[in-house]
Amino acid sequence: RASEMLRAKAEGNEAGALLEGEGFYISRNFKFGNGCKGVTLLLRERVSVFAASNWIPTFKIYRPNQGLCGRTFLREHLNSNLPLSSNGARGPWTRLHDATRDKCTHGHKCRDLQCFVGKRMQTEHLVCGAVLPFWSTIQQRVLSKTVRTSGGGFQLVQQMRVVRVRCQRADGTETRLVG
């Protein structure tokens, strides 16, 4: 899918080719405890017309385990990574994608059994309906996690939150839930 995005971006550009800095990049060293190097896809962000004279290239970054990152990056990202061809990126991209399916990016070195850093899939329990009157009771009894503090002790952290979820059924229809 990432190669298709890159090809579509090249076709959408005025010259029909990739702009400077666009493409796949791989980190210079191993970044994750799972033995994978970081692979990213950089695509230049569109610039509004009024800013064209003071143009600084910014990039949207896509990662195999996270998809689109929430923020844009400047040119400095290019300096810390090596460019990679689409064919050369297929192996590392697939390895990182598969390795982070149900494990964090720390790999076997991670001590936290519930670490979600870089994990692609997470199991979440969704409670729907009129739960507001029972919120504090549910929070006390069900969803809490013990985490290690910086001082070496442990602290109980409540993990309940209100979320909106869009689910796709097997027949292709979409259902929206709030829980």
N, C-alpha and C. Protein backbone atom coordinates (compact mmCIF):
# COMPACT_ATOMS: atom_id res chain seq x y z
N ARG A 1 0.82 -1.20 0.00
CA ARG A 1 0.00 0.00 0.00
C ARG A 1 0.86 1.26 0.00
N ALA A 2 1.98 1.24 0.71
CA ALA A 2 2.85 2.42 0.76
C ALA A 2 3.44 2.72 -0.61
N SER A 3 3.81 1.68 -1.34
CA SER A 3 4.35 1.90 -2.69
C SER A 3 3.29 2.51 -3.60
N GLU A 4 2.04 2.10 -3.43
CA GLU A 4 0.94 2.67 -4.21
C GLU A 4 0.76 4.15 -3.88
N MET A 5 0.87 4.50 -2.60
CA MET A 5 0.75 5.90 -2.18
C MET A 5 1.86 6.74 -2.82
N LEU A 6 3.07 6.19 -2.84
CA LEU A 6 4.21 6.90 -3.42
C LEU A 6 4.01 7.10 -4.93
N ARG A 7 3.53 6.07 -5.60
CA ARG A 7 3.29 6.14 -7.04
C ARG A 7 2.18 7.16 -7.34
N ALA A 8 1.12 7.15 -6.56
CA ALA A 8 0.02 8.10 -6.76
C ALA A 8 0.49 9.54 -6.52
N LYS A 9 1.34 9.73 -5.53
CA LYS A 9 1.87 11.07 -5.24
C LYS A 9 2.72 11.57 -6.40
N ALA A 10 3.55 10.68 -6.97
CA ALA A 10 4.39 11.07 -8.11
C ALA A 10 3.52 11.46 -9.31
N GLU A 11 2.47 10.70 -9.55
CA GLU A 11 1.57 11.00 -10.67
C GLU A 11 0.80 12.30 -10.45
N GLY A 12 0.53 12.64 -9.18
CA GLY A 12 -0.21 13.85 -8.86
C GLY A 12 0.64 15.11 -8.89
N ASN A 13 1.96 14.98 -8.86
CA ASN A 13 2.84 16.14 -8.94
C ASN A 13 2.85 16.71 -10.35
N GLU A 14 3.18 17.98 -10.48
CA GLU A 14 3.14 18.66 -11.77
C GLU A 14 4.04 17.99 -12.81
N ALA A 15 5.25 17.61 -12.43
CA ALA A 15 6.19 17.02 -13.38
C ALA A 15 5.96 15.52 -13.56
N GLY A 16 5.06 14.93 -12.78
CA GLY A 16 4.80 13.50 -12.89
C GLY A 16 5.86 12.66 -12.21
N ALA A 17 6.69 13.28 -11.39
CA ALA A 17 7.75 12.57 -10.66
C ALA A 17 7.73 12.99 -9.20
N LEU A 18 8.49 12.27 -8.39
CA LEU A 18 8.57 12.61 -6.98
C LEU A 18 9.31 13.93 -6.79
N LEU A 19 8.89 14.67 -5.79
CA LEU A 19 9.58 15.91 -5.45
C LEU A 19 10.83 15.59 -4.62
N GLU A 20 11.71 16.56 -4.48
CA GLU A 20 12.94 16.36 -3.72
C GLU A 20 12.63 15.96 -2.28
N GLY A 21 13.23 14.86 -1.84
CA GLY A 21 13.06 14.39 -0.47
C GLY A 21 11.96 13.37 -0.29
N GLU A 22 11.09 13.21 -1.28
CA GLU A 22 10.01 12.23 -1.13
C GLU A 22 10.54 10.83 -1.38
N GLY A 23 9.97 9.86 -0.66
CA GLY A 23 10.35 8.48 -0.87
C GLY A 23 10.50 7.73 0.44
N PHE A 24 11.08 6.54 0.36
CA PHE A 24 11.30 5.70 1.52
C PHE A 24 12.66 6.01 2.13
N TYR A 25 12.72 5.91 3.46
CA TYR A 25 13.97 6.12 4.19
C TYR A 25 14.09 5.04 5.26
N ILE A 26 15.34 4.67 5.56
CA ILE A 26 15.61 3.68 6.60
C ILE A 26 16.62 4.27 7.57
N SER A 27 16.46 3.96 8.85
CA SER A 27 17.37 4.51 9.85
C SER A 27 18.77 3.90 9.68
N ARG A 28 19.76 4.62 10.12
CA ARG A 28 21.15 4.16 9.97
C ARG A 28 21.48 3.01 10.91
N ASN A 29 20.76 2.88 12.00
CA ASN A 29 21.04 1.79 12.94
C ASN A 29 19.74 1.19 13.44
N PHE A 30 19.86 0.09 14.20
CA PHE A 30 18.67 -0.57 14.73
C PHE A 30 18.06 0.30 15.81
N LYS A 31 16.79 0.62 15.67
CA LYS A 31 16.13 1.50 16.62
C LYS A 31 15.25 0.73 17.58
N PHE A 32 14.88 -0.46 17.23
CA PHE A 32 13.89 -1.18 18.02
C PHE A 32 14.50 -2.45 18.60
N GLY A 33 13.96 -2.89 19.72
CA GLY A 33 14.43 -4.09 20.38
C GLY A 33 14.05 -5.36 19.64
N ASN A 34 13.23 -5.24 18.60
CA ASN A 34 12.81 -6.41 17.86
C ASN A 34 13.72 -6.69 16.67
N GLY A 35 14.87 -6.02 16.59
CA GLY A 35 15.85 -6.27 15.54
C GLY A 35 15.53 -5.63 14.20
N CYS A 36 14.62 -4.68 14.16
CA CYS A 36 14.23 -4.02 12.92
C CYS A 36 14.76 -2.59 12.89
N LYS A 37 15.10 -2.14 11.71
CA LYS A 37 15.46 -0.74 11.53
C LYS A 37 14.17 0.04 11.25
N GLY A 38 14.19 1.31 11.63
CA GLY A 38 13.02 2.15 11.38
C GLY A 38 12.90 2.48 9.91
N VAL A 39 11.74 2.26 9.34
CA VAL A 39 11.47 2.56 7.93
C VAL A 39 10.34 3.58 7.89
N THR A 40 10.50 4.60 7.06
CA THR A 40 9.48 5.62 6.94
C THR A 40 9.24 5.96 5.48
N LEU A 41 8.06 6.44 5.19
CA LEU A 41 7.71 6.96 3.88
C LEU A 41 7.46 8.45 4.06
N LEU A 42 8.20 9.28 3.35
CA LEU A 42 8.03 10.73 3.44
C LEU A 42 7.36 11.24 2.18
N LEU A 43 6.28 12.00 2.37
CA LEU A 43 5.60 12.66 1.26
C LEU A 43 5.49 14.13 1.59
N ARG A 44 5.83 14.97 0.62
CA ARG A 44 5.78 16.40 0.86
C ARG A 44 4.37 16.87 1.05
N GLU A 45 4.20 17.77 1.98
CA GLU A 45 2.89 18.31 2.27
C GLU A 45 2.59 19.44 1.30
N ARG A 46 1.34 19.57 0.94
CA ARG A 46 0.95 20.66 0.04
C ARG A 46 1.11 22.00 0.75
N VAL A 47 1.53 23.00 0.00
CA VAL A 47 1.76 24.33 0.56
C VAL A 47 0.72 25.28 -0.03
N SER A 48 0.16 26.13 0.81
CA SER A 48 -0.82 27.09 0.32
C SER A 48 -0.13 28.14 -0.55
N VAL A 49 -0.89 28.77 -1.42
CA VAL A 49 -0.33 29.72 -2.39
C VAL A 49 0.34 30.91 -1.72
N PHE A 50 -0.25 31.44 -0.65
CA PHE A 50 0.32 32.63 -0.02
C PHE A 50 1.68 32.34 0.61
N ALA A 51 1.97 31.09 0.92
CA ALA A 51 3.25 30.75 1.56
C ALA A 51 4.29 30.29 0.55
N ALA A 52 3.96 30.28 -0.72
CA ALA A 52 4.87 29.74 -1.73
C ALA A 52 6.19 30.51 -1.82
N SER A 53 6.17 31.81 -1.54
CA SER A 53 7.41 32.58 -1.63
C SER A 53 8.36 32.29 -0.46
N ASN A 54 7.83 31.94 0.69
CA ASN A 54 8.63 31.62 1.86
C ASN A 54 8.56 30.12 2.15
N TRP A 55 8.72 29.33 1.14
CA TRP A 55 8.44 27.91 1.21
C TRP A 55 9.56 27.12 1.88
N ILE A 56 9.21 26.39 2.93
CA ILE A 56 10.11 25.45 3.59
C ILE A 56 9.46 24.08 3.45
N PRO A 57 10.15 23.11 2.82
CA PRO A 57 9.49 21.82 2.61
C PRO A 57 9.21 21.11 3.93
N THR A 58 7.96 20.70 4.11
CA THR A 58 7.57 19.90 5.25
C THR A 58 7.04 18.57 4.72
N PHE A 59 7.17 17.54 5.53
CA PHE A 59 6.82 16.20 5.09
C PHE A 59 5.83 15.54 6.02
N LYS A 60 4.93 14.78 5.43
CA LYS A 60 4.09 13.86 6.20
C LYS A 60 4.86 12.56 6.26
N ILE A 61 4.87 11.94 7.44
CA ILE A 61 5.62 10.71 7.62
C ILE A 61 4.64 9.56 7.89
N TYR A 62 4.83 8.49 7.14
CA TYR A 62 4.05 7.27 7.31
C TYR A 62 5.00 6.18 7.79
N ARG A 63 4.55 5.41 8.79
CA ARG A 63 5.35 4.30 9.31
C ARG A 63 4.55 3.02 9.18
N PRO A 64 5.23 1.87 9.03
CA PRO A 64 4.50 0.62 8.82
C PRO A 64 3.64 0.19 10.01
N ASN A 65 4.01 0.59 11.20
CA ASN A 65 3.25 0.17 12.38
C ASN A 65 2.24 1.21 12.85
N GLN A 66 2.38 2.48 12.43
CA GLN A 66 1.52 3.54 12.93
C GLN A 66 0.70 4.23 11.85
N GLY A 67 1.09 4.10 10.61
CA GLY A 67 0.42 4.85 9.55
C GLY A 67 0.90 6.29 9.57
N LEU A 68 0.00 7.23 9.31
CA LEU A 68 0.35 8.64 9.26
C LEU A 68 0.65 9.17 10.66
N CYS A 69 1.80 9.81 10.81
CA CYS A 69 2.16 10.43 12.09
C CYS A 69 1.31 11.68 12.27
N GLY A 70 1.08 12.05 13.50
CA GLY A 70 0.21 13.17 13.81
C GLY A 70 0.79 14.54 13.51
N ARG A 71 2.08 14.63 13.28
CA ARG A 71 2.69 15.94 13.03
C ARG A 71 3.54 15.88 11.77
N THR A 72 3.89 17.03 11.26
CA THR A 72 4.73 17.10 10.07
C THR A 72 6.18 17.29 10.49
N PHE A 73 7.09 16.96 9.60
CA PHE A 73 8.51 17.05 9.89
C PHE A 73 9.21 17.90 8.85
N LEU A 74 10.29 18.50 9.26
CA LEU A 74 11.09 19.32 8.35
C LEU A 74 12.19 18.48 7.71
N ARG A 75 13.02 19.11 6.96
CA ARG A 75 14.08 18.47 6.19
C ARG A 75 15.09 17.70 7.05
N GLU A 76 15.22 18.04 8.34
CA GLU A 76 16.23 17.39 9.20
C GLU A 76 16.04 15.88 9.28
N HIS A 77 14.81 15.41 9.09
CA HIS A 77 14.56 13.97 9.14
C HIS A 77 15.36 13.25 8.06
N LEU A 78 15.57 13.92 6.93
CA LEU A 78 16.30 13.31 5.83
C LEU A 78 17.76 13.06 6.19
N ASN A 79 18.35 13.91 7.01
CA ASN A 79 19.76 13.79 7.36
C ASN A 79 20.06 12.60 8.25
N SER A 80 19.10 12.18 9.06
CA SER A 80 19.35 11.09 10.01
C SER A 80 18.97 9.72 9.44
N ASN A 81 18.54 9.67 8.20
CA ASN A 81 18.12 8.41 7.58
C ASN A 81 18.69 8.28 6.18
N LEU A 82 18.74 7.06 5.68
CA LEU A 82 19.26 6.79 4.35
C LEU A 82 18.11 6.58 3.38
N PRO A 83 18.21 7.15 2.16
CA PRO A 83 17.14 6.92 1.18
C PRO A 83 17.12 5.46 0.74
N LEU A 84 15.96 5.00 0.33
CA LEU A 84 15.77 3.60 -0.03
C LEU A 84 14.81 3.55 -1.21
N SER A 85 15.05 2.63 -2.14
CA SER A 85 14.15 2.48 -3.28
C SER A 85 12.87 1.78 -2.83
N SER A 86 11.84 1.84 -3.64
CA SER A 86 10.58 1.18 -3.30
C SER A 86 10.78 -0.32 -3.14
N ASN A 87 11.55 -0.92 -4.03
CA ASN A 87 11.81 -2.36 -3.94
C ASN A 87 12.66 -2.69 -2.72
N GLY A 88 13.63 -1.84 -2.40
CA GLY A 88 14.49 -2.07 -1.25
C GLY A 88 13.76 -1.88 0.07
N ALA A 89 12.69 -1.10 0.06
CA ALA A 89 11.94 -0.83 1.29
C ALA A 89 10.95 -1.94 1.61
N ARG A 90 10.61 -2.75 0.63
CA ARG A 90 9.58 -3.77 0.83
C ARG A 90 9.93 -4.74 1.97
N GLY A 91 11.15 -5.24 2.03
CA GLY A 91 11.55 -6.19 3.07
C GLY A 91 11.54 -5.58 4.47
N PRO A 92 12.28 -4.48 4.71
CA PRO A 92 12.27 -3.87 6.04
C PRO A 92 10.89 -3.38 6.46
N TRP A 93 10.11 -2.85 5.52
CA TRP A 93 8.76 -2.37 5.83
C TRP A 93 7.89 -3.54 6.31
N THR A 94 7.95 -4.65 5.58
CA THR A 94 7.16 -5.83 5.93
C THR A 94 7.60 -6.42 7.26
N ARG A 95 8.92 -6.48 7.51
CA ARG A 95 9.43 -7.02 8.77
C ARG A 95 8.94 -6.21 9.96
N LEU A 96 9.03 -4.88 9.87
CA LEU A 96 8.57 -4.03 10.97
C LEU A 96 7.05 -4.11 11.13
N HIS A 97 6.34 -4.17 10.01
CA HIS A 97 4.89 -4.29 10.05
C HIS A 97 4.48 -5.59 10.76
N ASP A 98 5.11 -6.69 10.42
CA ASP A 98 4.78 -7.98 11.03
C ASP A 98 5.23 -8.05 12.49
N ALA A 99 6.40 -7.49 12.81
CA ALA A 99 6.94 -7.57 14.17
C ALA A 99 6.12 -6.78 15.17
N THR A 100 5.40 -5.76 14.72
CA THR A 100 4.64 -4.90 15.64
C THR A 100 3.14 -5.21 15.62
N ARG A 101 2.78 -6.33 15.09
CA ARG A 101 1.35 -6.70 15.06
C ARG A 101 0.78 -6.76 16.47
N ASP A 102 1.42 -7.50 17.35
CA ASP A 102 0.91 -7.62 18.72
C ASP A 102 2.01 -7.47 19.76
N LYS A 103 3.14 -6.88 19.36
CA LYS A 103 4.24 -6.63 20.30
C LYS A 103 4.66 -5.17 20.15
N CYS A 104 5.19 -4.61 21.23
CA CYS A 104 5.66 -3.22 21.17
C CYS A 104 6.99 -3.18 20.41
N THR A 105 7.44 -1.98 20.07
CA THR A 105 8.69 -1.85 19.32
C THR A 105 9.92 -2.10 20.17
N HIS A 106 9.76 -2.23 21.48
CA HIS A 106 10.90 -2.54 22.34
C HIS A 106 11.33 -4.00 22.18
N GLY A 107 10.45 -4.85 21.65
CA GLY A 107 10.75 -6.25 21.43
C GLY A 107 10.84 -7.04 22.72
N HIS A 108 11.67 -8.07 22.72
CA HIS A 108 11.78 -8.96 23.89
C HIS A 108 12.44 -8.28 25.08
N LYS A 109 13.04 -7.12 24.89
CA LYS A 109 13.72 -6.41 25.98
C LYS A 109 12.74 -5.66 26.88
N CYS A 110 11.51 -5.50 26.44
CA CYS A 110 10.54 -4.70 27.20
C CYS A 110 10.07 -5.48 28.43
N ARG A 111 10.07 -4.79 29.56
CA ARG A 111 9.66 -5.42 30.82
C ARG A 111 8.18 -5.23 31.11
N ASP A 112 7.57 -4.25 30.47
CA ASP A 112 6.17 -3.95 30.71
C ASP A 112 5.30 -4.83 29.81
N LEU A 113 4.53 -5.72 30.41
CA LEU A 113 3.70 -6.64 29.64
C LEU A 113 2.56 -5.94 28.92
N GLN A 114 2.20 -4.74 29.37
CA GLN A 114 1.12 -4.00 28.73
C GLN A 114 1.62 -2.77 27.99
N CYS A 115 2.83 -2.83 27.47
CA CYS A 115 3.40 -1.70 26.72
C CYS A 115 2.75 -1.64 25.33
N PHE A 116 2.34 -0.45 24.92
CA PHE A 116 1.68 -0.27 23.63
C PHE A 116 2.51 0.56 22.65
N VAL A 117 3.75 0.87 22.96
CA VAL A 117 4.56 1.75 22.12
C VAL A 117 4.80 1.11 20.76
N GLY A 118 4.27 1.72 19.71
CA GLY A 118 4.47 1.24 18.35
C GLY A 118 3.69 0.00 17.98
N LYS A 119 2.83 -0.47 18.85
CA LYS A 119 2.05 -1.66 18.59
C LYS A 119 0.95 -1.35 17.58
N ARG A 120 0.76 -2.22 16.60
CA ARG A 120 -0.26 -1.97 15.58
C ARG A 120 -1.66 -2.30 16.06
N MET A 121 -1.80 -3.40 16.79
CA MET A 121 -3.12 -3.84 17.22
C MET A 121 -3.17 -3.93 18.73
N GLN A 122 -4.25 -3.44 19.29
CA GLN A 122 -4.46 -3.48 20.73
C GLN A 122 -5.87 -4.00 21.00
N THR A 123 -5.98 -4.77 22.04
CA THR A 123 -7.30 -5.23 22.46
C THR A 123 -7.89 -4.20 23.41
N GLU A 124 -9.06 -3.74 23.09
CA GLU A 124 -9.76 -2.75 23.91
C GLU A 124 -11.13 -3.29 24.24
N HIS A 125 -11.62 -3.00 25.44
CA HIS A 125 -12.96 -3.39 25.85
C HIS A 125 -13.82 -2.13 25.83
N LEU A 126 -14.95 -2.21 25.17
CA LEU A 126 -15.82 -1.06 25.00
C LEU A 126 -17.13 -1.30 25.75
N VAL A 127 -17.44 -0.43 26.69
CA VAL A 127 -18.69 -0.49 27.45
C VAL A 127 -19.60 0.59 26.89
N CYS A 128 -20.74 0.20 26.38
CA CYS A 128 -21.68 1.15 25.77
C CYS A 128 -22.97 1.22 26.57
N GLY A 129 -23.70 2.27 26.34
CA GLY A 129 -24.99 2.43 26.99
C GLY A 129 -24.94 3.54 28.03
N ALA A 130 -25.90 3.54 28.92
CA ALA A 130 -26.01 4.58 29.94
C ALA A 130 -25.12 4.21 31.13
N VAL A 131 -23.82 4.41 30.99
CA VAL A 131 -22.87 4.02 32.03
C VAL A 131 -22.43 5.19 32.91
N LEU A 132 -22.84 6.39 32.58
CA LEU A 132 -22.38 7.55 33.33
C LEU A 132 -22.69 7.48 34.83
N PRO A 133 -23.87 7.02 35.25
CA PRO A 133 -24.12 6.92 36.69
C PRO A 133 -23.21 5.92 37.40
N PHE A 134 -22.67 4.97 36.67
CA PHE A 134 -21.84 3.92 37.26
C PHE A 134 -20.36 4.10 36.95
N TRP A 135 -19.99 5.22 36.36
CA TRP A 135 -18.62 5.45 35.89
C TRP A 135 -17.58 5.22 36.98
N SER A 136 -17.73 5.81 38.14
CA SER A 136 -16.71 5.69 39.18
C SER A 136 -16.61 4.26 39.70
N THR A 137 -17.73 3.56 39.80
CA THR A 137 -17.71 2.17 40.27
C THR A 137 -16.98 1.27 39.27
N ILE A 138 -17.28 1.44 37.99
CA ILE A 138 -16.61 0.65 36.95
C ILE A 138 -15.12 0.95 36.95
N GLN A 139 -14.78 2.21 37.05
CA GLN A 139 -13.38 2.62 37.02
C GLN A 139 -12.59 2.04 38.20
N GLN A 140 -13.18 1.99 39.36
CA GLN A 140 -12.49 1.45 40.54
C GLN A 140 -12.30 -0.05 40.44
N ARG A 141 -13.27 -0.76 39.92
CA ARG A 141 -13.25 -2.21 39.96
C ARG A 141 -12.59 -2.87 38.75
N VAL A 142 -12.74 -2.27 37.61
CA VAL A 142 -12.37 -2.99 36.39
C VAL A 142 -11.07 -2.51 35.75
N LEU A 143 -11.01 -1.27 35.38
CA LEU A 143 -9.94 -0.82 34.50
C LEU A 143 -8.90 0.02 35.20
N SER A 144 -7.96 -0.62 35.82
CA SER A 144 -6.83 0.10 36.40
C SER A 144 -5.58 -0.72 36.10
N LYS A 145 -4.45 -0.06 36.12
CA LYS A 145 -3.19 -0.70 35.77
C LYS A 145 -2.13 -0.24 36.76
N THR A 146 -1.29 -1.14 37.20
CA THR A 146 -0.18 -0.80 38.08
C THR A 146 1.04 -0.52 37.22
N VAL A 147 1.62 0.66 37.36
CA VAL A 147 2.81 1.03 36.58
C VAL A 147 3.95 1.38 37.52
N ARG A 148 5.16 1.19 37.02
CA ARG A 148 6.36 1.52 37.79
C ARG A 148 6.62 3.02 37.68
N THR A 149 6.89 3.66 38.81
CA THR A 149 7.19 5.09 38.82
C THR A 149 8.69 5.31 38.68
N SER A 150 9.09 6.54 38.43
CA SER A 150 10.51 6.85 38.26
C SER A 150 11.29 6.62 39.55
N GLY A 151 10.63 6.69 40.70
CA GLY A 151 11.29 6.47 41.98
C GLY A 151 11.46 5.01 42.35
N GLY A 152 10.99 4.09 41.49
CA GLY A 152 11.13 2.67 41.76
C GLY A 152 9.92 2.04 42.39
N GLY A 153 8.92 2.83 42.78
CA GLY A 153 7.70 2.29 43.38
C GLY A 153 6.66 1.97 42.32
N PHE A 154 5.45 1.71 42.76
CA PHE A 154 4.36 1.41 41.85
C PHE A 154 3.20 2.35 42.12
N GLN A 155 2.43 2.63 41.07
CA GLN A 155 1.30 3.54 41.17
C GLN A 155 0.13 2.95 40.40
N LEU A 156 -1.08 3.07 40.93
CA LEU A 156 -2.29 2.60 40.26
C LEU A 156 -2.80 3.70 39.34
N VAL A 157 -2.94 3.40 38.06
CA VAL A 157 -3.37 4.38 37.06
C VAL A 157 -4.71 3.94 36.49
N GLN A 158 -5.66 4.85 36.45
CA GLN A 158 -6.97 4.56 35.87
C GLN A 158 -6.86 4.73 34.36
N GLN A 159 -7.40 3.78 33.61
CA GLN A 159 -7.26 3.82 32.16
C GLN A 159 -8.57 4.00 31.41
N MET A 160 -9.62 4.34 32.08
CA MET A 160 -10.90 4.50 31.38
C MET A 160 -10.94 5.83 30.65
N ARG A 161 -11.59 5.83 29.51
CA ARG A 161 -11.73 7.04 28.72
C ARG A 161 -12.97 6.91 27.85
N VAL A 162 -13.46 8.01 27.38
CA VAL A 162 -14.60 8.02 26.47
C VAL A 162 -14.05 8.02 25.06
N VAL A 163 -14.56 7.13 24.22
CA VAL A 163 -14.07 7.02 22.85
C VAL A 163 -15.24 6.93 21.88
N ARG A 164 -14.96 7.31 20.65
CA ARG A 164 -15.88 7.10 19.54
C ARG A 164 -15.20 6.15 18.57
N VAL A 165 -15.90 5.11 18.17
CA VAL A 165 -15.31 4.07 17.33
C VAL A 165 -16.17 3.86 16.09
N ARG A 166 -15.50 3.73 14.95
CA ARG A 166 -16.20 3.34 13.72
C ARG A 166 -15.78 1.91 13.41
N CYS A 167 -16.74 1.02 13.35
CA CYS A 167 -16.47 -0.39 13.08
C CYS A 167 -17.05 -0.75 11.72
N GLN A 168 -16.37 -1.63 11.02
CA GLN A 168 -16.87 -2.09 9.74
C GLN A 168 -17.27 -3.55 9.89
N ARG A 169 -18.51 -3.84 9.56
CA ARG A 169 -19.02 -5.21 9.66
C ARG A 169 -18.54 -6.03 8.47
N ALA A 170 -18.76 -7.33 8.53
CA ALA A 170 -18.34 -8.24 7.46
C ALA A 170 -19.04 -7.91 6.14
N ASP A 171 -20.26 -7.39 6.21
CA ASP A 171 -20.99 -7.06 4.97
C ASP A 171 -20.60 -5.69 4.41
N GLY A 172 -19.67 -4.99 5.08
CA GLY A 172 -19.17 -3.72 4.57
C GLY A 172 -19.86 -2.49 5.14
N THR A 173 -20.94 -2.66 5.89
CA THR A 173 -21.62 -1.50 6.48
C THR A 173 -20.85 -1.00 7.70
N GLU A 174 -21.00 0.28 7.97
CA GLU A 174 -20.26 0.90 9.07
C GLU A 174 -21.18 1.15 10.25
N THR A 175 -20.67 0.88 11.44
CA THR A 175 -21.40 1.13 12.67
C THR A 175 -20.58 2.08 13.53
N ARG A 176 -21.23 3.06 14.14
CA ARG A 176 -20.53 4.00 15.02
C ARG A 176 -20.97 3.74 16.45
N LEU A 177 -19.98 3.65 17.34
CA LEU A 177 -20.23 3.39 18.75
C LEU A 177 -19.59 4.47 19.60
N VAL A 178 -20.23 4.78 20.71
CA VAL A 178 -19.65 5.66 21.71
C VAL A 178 -19.66 4.88 23.00
N GLY A 179 -18.52 4.82 23.66
CA GLY A 179 -18.44 4.04 24.91
C GLY A 179 -17.40 4.59 25.83
